Each structure stands twice: as C-alpha cells, then as structure tokens.
N, C-alpha and C. Protein backbone atom coordinates (compact mmCIF):
# COMPACT_ATOMS: atom_id res chain seq x y z
N UNK A 1 0.84 -1.17 0.03
CA UNK A 1 -0.03 -0.07 -0.03
C UNK A 1 0.90 1.26 0.01
N UNK A 2 0.46 2.24 -0.65
CA UNK A 2 1.08 3.53 -0.69
C UNK A 2 1.27 4.16 0.66
N UNK A 3 2.50 4.60 1.12
CA UNK A 3 2.73 5.12 2.39
C UNK A 3 1.89 6.33 2.65
N UNK A 4 1.68 7.19 1.64
CA UNK A 4 0.87 8.44 1.88
C UNK A 4 -0.55 7.96 2.16
N UNK A 5 -1.09 6.90 1.49
CA UNK A 5 -2.37 6.45 1.75
C UNK A 5 -2.56 5.99 3.21
N UNK A 6 -1.55 5.23 3.70
CA UNK A 6 -1.54 4.69 5.06
C UNK A 6 -1.59 5.84 6.03
N UNK A 7 -0.77 6.83 5.83
CA UNK A 7 -0.66 8.00 6.69
C UNK A 7 -2.02 8.77 6.71
N UNK A 8 -2.56 8.87 5.56
CA UNK A 8 -3.83 9.67 5.48
C UNK A 8 -4.98 8.94 6.13
N UNK A 9 -4.98 7.65 5.97
CA UNK A 9 -6.10 6.87 6.65
C UNK A 9 -5.82 6.96 8.21
N UNK A 10 -4.59 6.82 8.64
CA UNK A 10 -4.34 6.88 10.02
C UNK A 10 -4.75 8.26 10.61
N UNK A 11 -4.48 9.37 9.91
CA UNK A 11 -4.85 10.68 10.40
C UNK A 11 -6.38 10.81 10.39
N UNK A 12 -7.07 10.21 9.46
CA UNK A 12 -8.53 10.43 9.44
C UNK A 12 -9.11 9.67 10.61
N UNK A 13 -8.64 8.37 10.78
CA UNK A 13 -9.13 7.61 11.92
C UNK A 13 -8.86 8.26 13.28
N UNK A 14 -7.67 8.78 13.46
CA UNK A 14 -7.20 9.51 14.58
C UNK A 14 -8.17 10.81 14.88
N UNK A 15 -8.56 11.42 13.79
CA UNK A 15 -9.39 12.54 14.01
C UNK A 15 -10.81 12.20 14.41
N UNK A 16 -11.24 10.99 13.93
CA UNK A 16 -12.55 10.58 14.40
C UNK A 16 -12.56 10.17 15.85
N UNK A 17 -11.54 9.52 16.28
CA UNK A 17 -11.35 9.15 17.71
C UNK A 17 -11.24 10.37 18.59
N UNK A 18 -10.45 11.34 18.04
CA UNK A 18 -10.23 12.62 18.81
C UNK A 18 -11.68 13.33 18.99
N UNK A 19 -12.40 13.33 17.89
CA UNK A 19 -13.75 14.00 17.97
C UNK A 19 -14.64 13.30 18.93
N UNK A 20 -14.71 11.99 18.93
CA UNK A 20 -15.57 11.25 19.87
C UNK A 20 -15.18 11.37 21.29
N UNK A 21 -13.78 11.38 21.62
CA UNK A 21 -13.35 11.55 22.92
C UNK A 21 -13.67 12.96 23.43
N UNK A 22 -13.40 13.98 22.58
CA UNK A 22 -13.63 15.42 23.02
C UNK A 22 -15.15 15.69 23.10
N UNK A 23 -15.95 15.11 22.32
CA UNK A 23 -17.37 15.31 22.36
C UNK A 23 -18.04 14.65 23.60
N UNK A 24 -17.49 13.39 23.90
CA UNK A 24 -17.97 12.81 25.19
C UNK A 24 -17.60 13.52 26.44
N UNK A 25 -16.33 14.05 26.39
CA UNK A 25 -15.83 14.85 27.55
C UNK A 25 -16.61 16.05 27.69
N UNK A 26 -16.95 16.85 26.68
CA UNK A 26 -17.67 18.02 26.82
C UNK A 26 -19.10 17.82 27.14
N UNK A 27 -19.66 16.74 26.56
CA UNK A 27 -20.99 16.34 26.92
C UNK A 27 -21.18 16.13 28.43
N UNK A 28 -20.17 15.34 28.92
CA UNK A 28 -20.19 15.00 30.33
C UNK A 28 -20.04 16.22 31.17
N UNK A 29 -19.21 17.15 30.83
CA UNK A 29 -18.95 18.45 31.52
C UNK A 29 -20.25 19.29 31.55
N UNK A 30 -20.95 19.34 30.37
CA UNK A 30 -22.20 20.03 30.31
C UNK A 30 -23.28 19.43 31.21
N UNK A 31 -23.32 18.13 31.26
CA UNK A 31 -24.35 17.49 32.06
C UNK A 31 -24.04 17.76 33.58
N UNK A 32 -22.66 17.71 33.87
CA UNK A 32 -22.39 18.02 35.29
C UNK A 32 -22.74 19.48 35.69
N UNK A 33 -22.55 20.38 34.82
CA UNK A 33 -22.92 21.75 35.13
C UNK A 33 -24.41 21.93 35.27
N UNK A 34 -25.20 21.34 34.39
CA UNK A 34 -26.67 21.45 34.56
C UNK A 34 -27.36 20.54 35.54
N UNK A 35 -26.53 19.61 36.13
CA UNK A 35 -27.13 18.71 37.08
C UNK A 35 -27.80 19.37 38.26
N UNK A 36 -28.97 19.08 38.55
CA UNK A 36 -29.70 19.59 39.62
C UNK A 36 -30.16 21.01 39.39
N UNK A 37 -30.02 21.59 38.25
CA UNK A 37 -30.41 22.96 37.99
C UNK A 37 -31.93 22.90 37.49
N UNK A 38 -32.74 23.81 37.94
CA UNK A 38 -34.04 23.88 37.52
C UNK A 38 -34.36 25.21 36.82
N UNK A 39 -35.44 25.09 36.05
CA UNK A 39 -35.82 26.27 35.26
C UNK A 39 -37.31 26.39 35.50
N UNK A 40 -37.71 27.68 35.81
CA UNK A 40 -39.18 27.99 36.05
C UNK A 40 -40.02 27.88 34.87
N UNK A 41 -41.31 27.96 34.95
CA UNK A 41 -42.20 27.82 33.80
C UNK A 41 -42.01 29.02 32.86
N UNK A 42 -41.56 30.10 33.34
CA UNK A 42 -41.31 31.25 32.50
C UNK A 42 -40.00 31.22 31.74
N UNK A 43 -39.12 30.27 32.15
CA UNK A 43 -37.83 30.13 31.51
C UNK A 43 -36.71 30.81 32.27
N UNK A 44 -37.00 31.26 33.48
CA UNK A 44 -36.01 31.92 34.29
C UNK A 44 -35.20 30.82 35.09
N UNK A 45 -33.95 31.10 35.36
CA UNK A 45 -33.11 30.13 36.14
C UNK A 45 -33.54 30.23 37.58
N UNK A 46 -33.65 29.06 38.22
CA UNK A 46 -33.91 28.96 39.64
C UNK A 46 -32.68 28.62 40.42
N UNK A 47 -31.74 29.50 40.68
CA UNK A 47 -30.62 29.18 41.46
C UNK A 47 -30.41 30.30 42.42
N UNK A 48 -29.73 30.05 43.52
CA UNK A 48 -29.44 31.17 44.48
C UNK A 48 -28.69 32.31 43.88
N UNK A 49 -28.94 33.46 44.20
CA UNK A 49 -28.33 34.65 43.59
C UNK A 49 -26.80 34.68 43.75
N UNK A 50 -26.25 34.08 44.86
CA UNK A 50 -24.85 34.04 44.98
C UNK A 50 -24.17 33.05 44.16
N UNK A 51 -24.82 32.07 43.50
CA UNK A 51 -24.18 31.07 42.63
C UNK A 51 -24.18 31.65 41.29
N UNK A 52 -23.14 31.13 40.40
CA UNK A 52 -23.04 31.51 39.05
C UNK A 52 -24.06 30.72 38.29
N UNK A 53 -24.77 31.41 37.37
CA UNK A 53 -25.69 30.68 36.50
C UNK A 53 -25.07 29.62 35.73
N UNK A 54 -25.61 28.38 35.70
CA UNK A 54 -25.04 27.30 34.88
C UNK A 54 -24.95 27.59 33.38
N UNK A 55 -25.88 28.38 32.93
CA UNK A 55 -25.89 28.66 31.52
C UNK A 55 -24.71 29.62 31.10
N UNK A 56 -24.31 30.42 31.99
CA UNK A 56 -23.06 31.26 31.73
C UNK A 56 -21.78 30.28 31.80
N UNK A 57 -21.89 29.27 32.68
CA UNK A 57 -20.76 28.30 32.65
C UNK A 57 -20.68 27.54 31.34
N UNK A 58 -21.88 27.25 30.75
CA UNK A 58 -21.87 26.62 29.51
C UNK A 58 -21.16 27.41 28.43
N UNK A 59 -21.36 28.71 28.53
CA UNK A 59 -20.75 29.56 27.52
C UNK A 59 -19.25 29.40 27.53
N UNK A 60 -18.62 29.13 28.77
CA UNK A 60 -17.19 28.98 28.86
C UNK A 60 -16.76 27.68 28.22
N UNK A 61 -17.64 26.65 28.13
CA UNK A 61 -17.39 25.40 27.55
C UNK A 61 -17.49 25.40 25.96
N UNK A 62 -18.13 26.55 25.44
CA UNK A 62 -18.32 26.56 23.98
C UNK A 62 -17.09 26.68 23.17
N UNK A 63 -16.16 27.47 23.63
CA UNK A 63 -14.89 27.55 22.92
C UNK A 63 -14.04 26.25 22.72
N UNK A 64 -13.92 25.49 23.83
CA UNK A 64 -13.20 24.17 23.65
C UNK A 64 -13.97 23.19 22.79
N UNK A 65 -15.35 23.32 22.86
CA UNK A 65 -16.13 22.43 22.08
C UNK A 65 -15.89 22.78 20.60
N UNK A 66 -16.07 24.04 20.23
CA UNK A 66 -15.95 24.34 18.80
C UNK A 66 -14.48 24.21 18.29
N UNK A 67 -13.52 24.44 19.18
CA UNK A 67 -12.12 24.18 18.80
C UNK A 67 -11.83 22.76 18.52
N UNK A 68 -12.29 21.90 19.34
CA UNK A 68 -12.17 20.40 19.12
C UNK A 68 -12.89 19.95 17.88
N UNK A 69 -14.07 20.49 17.70
CA UNK A 69 -14.88 20.10 16.54
C UNK A 69 -14.11 20.67 15.24
N UNK A 70 -13.73 21.85 15.23
CA UNK A 70 -13.05 22.38 14.04
C UNK A 70 -11.74 21.66 13.81
N UNK A 71 -10.91 21.46 14.84
CA UNK A 71 -9.65 20.62 14.70
C UNK A 71 -9.86 19.27 14.13
N UNK A 72 -10.93 18.64 14.68
CA UNK A 72 -11.17 17.28 14.24
C UNK A 72 -11.48 17.25 12.77
N UNK A 73 -12.38 18.19 12.37
CA UNK A 73 -12.75 18.21 10.96
C UNK A 73 -11.65 18.57 10.05
N UNK A 74 -10.77 19.56 10.48
CA UNK A 74 -9.63 19.81 9.73
C UNK A 74 -8.66 18.71 9.54
N UNK A 75 -8.41 17.99 10.63
CA UNK A 75 -7.59 16.81 10.58
C UNK A 75 -8.19 15.75 9.65
N UNK A 76 -9.43 15.55 9.81
CA UNK A 76 -10.14 14.49 8.95
C UNK A 76 -9.95 14.89 7.49
N UNK A 77 -10.28 16.06 7.15
CA UNK A 77 -10.11 16.56 5.68
C UNK A 77 -8.69 16.36 5.19
N UNK A 78 -7.72 16.73 6.05
CA UNK A 78 -6.36 16.59 5.66
C UNK A 78 -5.98 15.07 5.43
N UNK A 79 -6.44 14.29 6.28
CA UNK A 79 -6.20 12.78 6.10
C UNK A 79 -6.92 12.26 4.80
N UNK A 80 -8.06 12.71 4.53
CA UNK A 80 -8.74 12.25 3.30
C UNK A 80 -8.05 12.76 2.11
N UNK A 81 -7.64 14.09 2.06
CA UNK A 81 -6.91 14.66 1.07
C UNK A 81 -5.58 13.94 0.83
N UNK A 82 -4.87 13.65 1.80
CA UNK A 82 -3.66 12.87 1.75
C UNK A 82 -3.83 11.54 1.13
N UNK A 83 -4.84 10.89 1.53
CA UNK A 83 -5.28 9.52 0.98
C UNK A 83 -5.53 9.61 -0.46
N UNK A 84 -6.30 10.56 -0.90
CA UNK A 84 -6.74 10.61 -2.24
C UNK A 84 -5.83 11.18 -3.27
N UNK A 85 -5.17 12.27 -2.86
CA UNK A 85 -4.41 13.09 -3.80
C UNK A 85 -2.91 12.99 -3.79
N UNK A 86 -2.30 12.55 -2.71
CA UNK A 86 -0.90 12.61 -2.54
C UNK A 86 -0.16 11.25 -2.73
N UNK A 87 -0.59 10.57 -3.85
CA UNK A 87 0.15 9.28 -4.16
C UNK A 87 1.46 9.55 -4.85
N UNK A 88 2.36 8.65 -4.90
CA UNK A 88 3.74 8.81 -5.40
C UNK A 88 3.56 9.17 -6.93
N UNK A 89 2.63 8.40 -7.58
CA UNK A 89 2.47 8.64 -8.98
C UNK A 89 2.01 10.08 -9.32
N UNK A 90 1.08 10.52 -8.50
CA UNK A 90 0.59 11.87 -8.72
C UNK A 90 1.72 12.91 -8.47
N UNK A 91 2.45 12.72 -7.48
CA UNK A 91 3.54 13.67 -7.15
C UNK A 91 4.66 13.66 -8.26
N UNK A 92 5.09 12.49 -8.72
CA UNK A 92 6.07 12.36 -9.66
C UNK A 92 5.70 12.96 -11.01
N UNK A 93 4.43 12.90 -11.41
CA UNK A 93 3.88 13.36 -12.61
C UNK A 93 3.91 14.88 -12.46
N UNK A 94 3.64 15.44 -11.39
CA UNK A 94 3.61 16.95 -11.20
C UNK A 94 5.02 17.51 -11.13
N UNK A 95 5.94 16.72 -10.51
CA UNK A 95 7.31 17.32 -10.41
C UNK A 95 8.04 17.17 -11.61
N UNK A 96 7.94 16.20 -12.43
CA UNK A 96 8.84 15.97 -13.61
C UNK A 96 8.05 16.06 -14.91
N UNK A 97 8.27 17.09 -15.69
CA UNK A 97 7.76 17.22 -16.98
C UNK A 97 8.94 16.82 -18.01
N UNK A 98 8.56 16.07 -19.00
CA UNK A 98 9.57 15.69 -20.01
C UNK A 98 9.79 16.89 -20.88
N UNK A 99 10.94 17.43 -20.96
CA UNK A 99 11.23 18.52 -21.89
C UNK A 99 10.99 18.04 -23.38
N UNK A 100 10.51 19.00 -24.18
CA UNK A 100 10.22 18.67 -25.60
C UNK A 100 11.47 18.67 -26.43
N UNK A 101 12.60 19.15 -25.90
CA UNK A 101 13.83 19.25 -26.65
C UNK A 101 14.57 17.85 -26.71
N UNK A 102 14.19 16.88 -26.02
CA UNK A 102 14.82 15.59 -26.06
C UNK A 102 14.49 14.65 -27.18
N UNK A 103 15.42 13.77 -27.41
CA UNK A 103 15.13 12.84 -28.54
C UNK A 103 13.99 11.92 -28.12
N UNK A 104 13.43 11.15 -29.01
CA UNK A 104 12.44 10.15 -28.71
C UNK A 104 12.98 9.14 -27.69
N UNK A 105 14.19 8.65 -27.94
CA UNK A 105 14.78 7.57 -27.03
C UNK A 105 14.90 8.15 -25.62
N UNK A 106 15.40 9.35 -25.54
CA UNK A 106 15.55 10.01 -24.23
C UNK A 106 14.15 10.18 -23.49
N UNK A 107 13.23 10.55 -24.24
CA UNK A 107 11.91 10.66 -23.75
C UNK A 107 11.33 9.28 -23.20
N UNK A 108 11.69 8.26 -24.04
CA UNK A 108 11.24 6.89 -23.66
C UNK A 108 11.81 6.48 -22.30
N UNK A 109 13.20 6.76 -22.12
CA UNK A 109 13.82 6.47 -20.93
C UNK A 109 13.29 7.16 -19.67
N UNK A 110 12.97 8.39 -19.85
CA UNK A 110 12.37 9.22 -18.81
C UNK A 110 10.97 8.71 -18.49
N UNK A 111 10.16 8.27 -19.50
CA UNK A 111 8.80 7.73 -19.26
C UNK A 111 8.92 6.49 -18.46
N UNK A 112 9.92 5.64 -18.89
CA UNK A 112 10.10 4.36 -18.14
C UNK A 112 10.43 4.63 -16.66
N UNK A 113 11.26 5.58 -16.37
CA UNK A 113 11.65 5.85 -14.99
C UNK A 113 10.52 6.48 -14.29
N UNK A 114 9.61 7.09 -14.91
CA UNK A 114 8.50 7.73 -14.20
C UNK A 114 7.38 6.73 -13.92
N UNK A 115 7.29 5.78 -14.67
CA UNK A 115 6.28 4.71 -14.50
C UNK A 115 6.52 3.82 -13.34
N UNK A 116 7.88 3.64 -12.98
CA UNK A 116 8.26 2.71 -11.83
C UNK A 116 8.58 3.66 -10.60
N UNK A 117 8.31 3.15 -9.46
CA UNK A 117 8.63 3.82 -8.22
C UNK A 117 9.98 3.57 -7.72
N UNK A 118 10.68 2.62 -8.31
CA UNK A 118 12.04 2.24 -7.89
C UNK A 118 13.06 2.44 -9.02
N UNK A 119 14.30 2.53 -8.69
CA UNK A 119 15.29 2.73 -9.77
C UNK A 119 15.35 1.49 -10.72
N UNK A 120 15.80 1.75 -11.90
CA UNK A 120 15.87 0.69 -12.97
C UNK A 120 17.35 0.47 -13.17
N UNK A 121 17.70 -0.83 -13.54
CA UNK A 121 19.05 -1.20 -13.86
C UNK A 121 19.25 -0.67 -15.33
N UNK A 122 20.44 -0.29 -15.63
CA UNK A 122 20.81 0.19 -16.94
C UNK A 122 20.58 -0.82 -17.96
N UNK A 123 20.84 -2.05 -17.68
CA UNK A 123 20.62 -3.22 -18.61
C UNK A 123 19.19 -3.41 -18.88
N UNK A 124 18.30 -3.22 -17.93
CA UNK A 124 16.87 -3.28 -18.10
C UNK A 124 16.41 -2.21 -19.08
N UNK A 125 16.90 -1.00 -18.97
CA UNK A 125 16.60 0.09 -19.87
C UNK A 125 17.05 -0.27 -21.28
N UNK A 126 18.22 -0.85 -21.43
CA UNK A 126 18.67 -1.19 -22.73
C UNK A 126 17.84 -2.21 -23.39
N UNK A 127 17.38 -3.25 -22.63
CA UNK A 127 16.54 -4.28 -23.08
C UNK A 127 15.18 -3.65 -23.56
N UNK A 128 14.59 -2.75 -22.72
CA UNK A 128 13.37 -2.12 -23.06
C UNK A 128 13.42 -1.29 -24.35
N UNK A 129 14.55 -0.53 -24.51
CA UNK A 129 14.74 0.24 -25.60
C UNK A 129 14.95 -0.66 -26.91
N UNK A 130 15.54 -1.74 -26.68
CA UNK A 130 15.96 -2.53 -27.82
C UNK A 130 17.27 -1.94 -28.39
N UNK A 131 18.02 -1.27 -27.62
CA UNK A 131 19.32 -0.61 -28.11
C UNK A 131 20.43 -1.31 -27.39
N UNK A 132 21.65 -1.07 -28.01
CA UNK A 132 22.82 -1.72 -27.48
C UNK A 132 23.24 -1.02 -26.17
N UNK A 133 24.14 -1.63 -25.39
CA UNK A 133 24.54 -1.06 -24.16
C UNK A 133 25.29 0.26 -24.33
N UNK A 134 26.06 0.35 -25.47
CA UNK A 134 26.83 1.53 -25.83
C UNK A 134 25.85 2.76 -26.07
N UNK A 135 24.84 2.48 -26.88
CA UNK A 135 23.83 3.50 -27.17
C UNK A 135 23.05 3.92 -25.91
N UNK A 136 22.69 3.05 -25.13
CA UNK A 136 22.02 3.26 -23.90
C UNK A 136 22.82 4.11 -22.97
N UNK A 137 24.14 3.79 -22.83
CA UNK A 137 25.12 4.55 -22.01
C UNK A 137 25.17 5.96 -22.46
N UNK A 138 25.39 6.20 -23.82
CA UNK A 138 25.46 7.52 -24.32
C UNK A 138 24.20 8.29 -24.07
N UNK A 139 22.99 7.73 -24.23
CA UNK A 139 21.74 8.35 -23.94
C UNK A 139 21.64 8.79 -22.45
N UNK A 140 22.11 7.86 -21.64
CA UNK A 140 21.95 8.16 -20.17
C UNK A 140 23.08 9.21 -19.83
N UNK A 141 24.18 9.25 -20.53
CA UNK A 141 25.22 10.27 -20.22
C UNK A 141 24.57 11.67 -20.59
N UNK A 142 23.87 11.79 -21.70
CA UNK A 142 23.19 13.03 -22.06
C UNK A 142 22.14 13.40 -20.99
N UNK A 143 21.40 12.52 -20.62
CA UNK A 143 20.36 12.89 -19.58
C UNK A 143 20.91 13.25 -18.23
N UNK A 144 22.06 12.58 -17.92
CA UNK A 144 22.70 12.91 -16.65
C UNK A 144 23.35 14.32 -16.74
N UNK A 145 23.95 14.62 -17.89
CA UNK A 145 24.55 15.86 -18.04
C UNK A 145 23.49 17.02 -17.99
N UNK A 146 22.33 16.68 -18.40
CA UNK A 146 21.20 17.70 -18.34
C UNK A 146 20.53 17.75 -17.03
N UNK A 147 20.98 16.96 -16.05
CA UNK A 147 20.49 16.95 -14.70
C UNK A 147 19.17 16.25 -14.49
N UNK A 148 18.78 15.41 -15.47
CA UNK A 148 17.46 14.79 -15.34
C UNK A 148 17.42 13.48 -14.61
N UNK A 149 18.56 12.74 -14.68
CA UNK A 149 18.70 11.54 -14.01
C UNK A 149 20.05 11.38 -13.25
N UNK A 150 20.15 10.34 -12.46
CA UNK A 150 21.37 10.11 -11.75
C UNK A 150 21.60 8.57 -11.77
N UNK A 151 22.90 8.22 -12.00
CA UNK A 151 23.31 6.91 -12.06
C UNK A 151 24.09 6.51 -10.80
N UNK A 152 23.76 5.42 -10.20
CA UNK A 152 24.46 4.93 -8.99
C UNK A 152 25.11 3.62 -9.35
N UNK A 153 26.38 3.50 -9.04
CA UNK A 153 27.16 2.24 -9.37
C UNK A 153 26.73 1.20 -8.37
N UNK A 154 26.37 0.01 -8.75
CA UNK A 154 26.04 -1.10 -7.97
C UNK A 154 26.76 -2.29 -8.50
N UNK A 155 27.99 -2.54 -8.12
CA UNK A 155 28.85 -3.62 -8.55
C UNK A 155 29.13 -3.37 -9.97
N UNK A 156 28.79 -4.42 -10.75
CA UNK A 156 29.08 -4.26 -12.25
C UNK A 156 27.99 -3.59 -13.01
N UNK A 157 26.97 -3.11 -12.38
CA UNK A 157 25.86 -2.48 -13.12
C UNK A 157 25.61 -1.18 -12.49
N UNK A 158 24.73 -0.34 -13.16
CA UNK A 158 24.30 0.92 -12.78
C UNK A 158 22.85 0.94 -12.46
N UNK A 159 22.37 1.64 -11.42
CA UNK A 159 21.08 1.94 -11.15
C UNK A 159 20.71 3.27 -11.63
N UNK A 160 19.66 3.49 -12.37
CA UNK A 160 19.32 4.80 -12.90
C UNK A 160 18.10 5.28 -12.15
N UNK A 161 18.21 6.52 -11.62
CA UNK A 161 17.20 7.12 -10.80
C UNK A 161 16.82 8.58 -11.45
N UNK A 162 15.47 8.80 -11.39
CA UNK A 162 15.06 10.17 -11.83
C UNK A 162 15.49 11.16 -10.68
N UNK A 163 16.02 12.37 -11.12
CA UNK A 163 16.27 13.39 -10.10
C UNK A 163 15.03 14.20 -9.84
N UNK A 164 14.65 14.43 -8.64
CA UNK A 164 13.42 15.14 -8.31
C UNK A 164 13.66 16.64 -8.10
C-alpha cells in the first residue's frame, strides 16, 4: 500500500477518535454543570443569587467544544486529501515534466523511469529500448549531463534514478 495512503487513513481515523473523545468529555462536563439545575415555567433560572448561572458556565465550554470540532474536521479533511491526492504517481507526474527538446529515445527512458517507483538497472533500460549497451550509455550520459537522471554504481551495473 502507498505510504501516503496509510498515513492519510491513520490521520482520518485519529481525527474521528479525537472527535468522539472530546465530544463525550464536553457532553459529560455540560451534564455536570446542569445537574440539579431547575428552570421555572417562564424560563428563568432557579438558582441562588450568590451562585453563578449554569448557562453562563456553559458559554465557557463553548470555545473548547468548537475548537475540538473544528480541529477534528480539519484533521479529517487533511487525512482524506492525503489519502486521495498525494500518491507517489501523482507527485512524480507533477514534479517531472519531460522536456520537448529531448530525442524520442531519451523521452522513452524518462517515461520508463516515471512509471516505476524504484530505480531501474541500466541493462533493463537497454533491453526495453532494444538498443545496445553503448547507445544506452550515451543516452544516459546526455540525460545525466542535463541533470534529469542520476546513475548509481552497484557492482558491475548501474542503477538509474530520476532526479526530483
């Protein structure tokens, strides 16, 4: 599974849990404030004048309630956006545009590297192109000099990676 997708799902689930915990906490606090409080038939509070009105205490709970609700929704939307839109393929296509000035073979090499998420061996690129090792080496030299790819030596072969 794509790591961005895993992180996005984790954030979305965490935001749901955070919402439920904060909602139950605030609900319990509101019930505790209103416990034993009576209201007259006219809607007036029936509490001793020296005590603070429970409804004014509820106003103090409004800020944390809306803050947790807004934070949970923002986290949830971020997690969903990360899950849906931030895949590796999506990012690599946006970051790397193939220049029009390249030869068809060079464009083919870059498109091969964009399709895979891992580096390719130089010999695999030569096989895919149907070109000799010498021709492939020269094409890769040109792409490397233009700063589009990077070759990493691995024993007797080269790994070819797109530069981001």
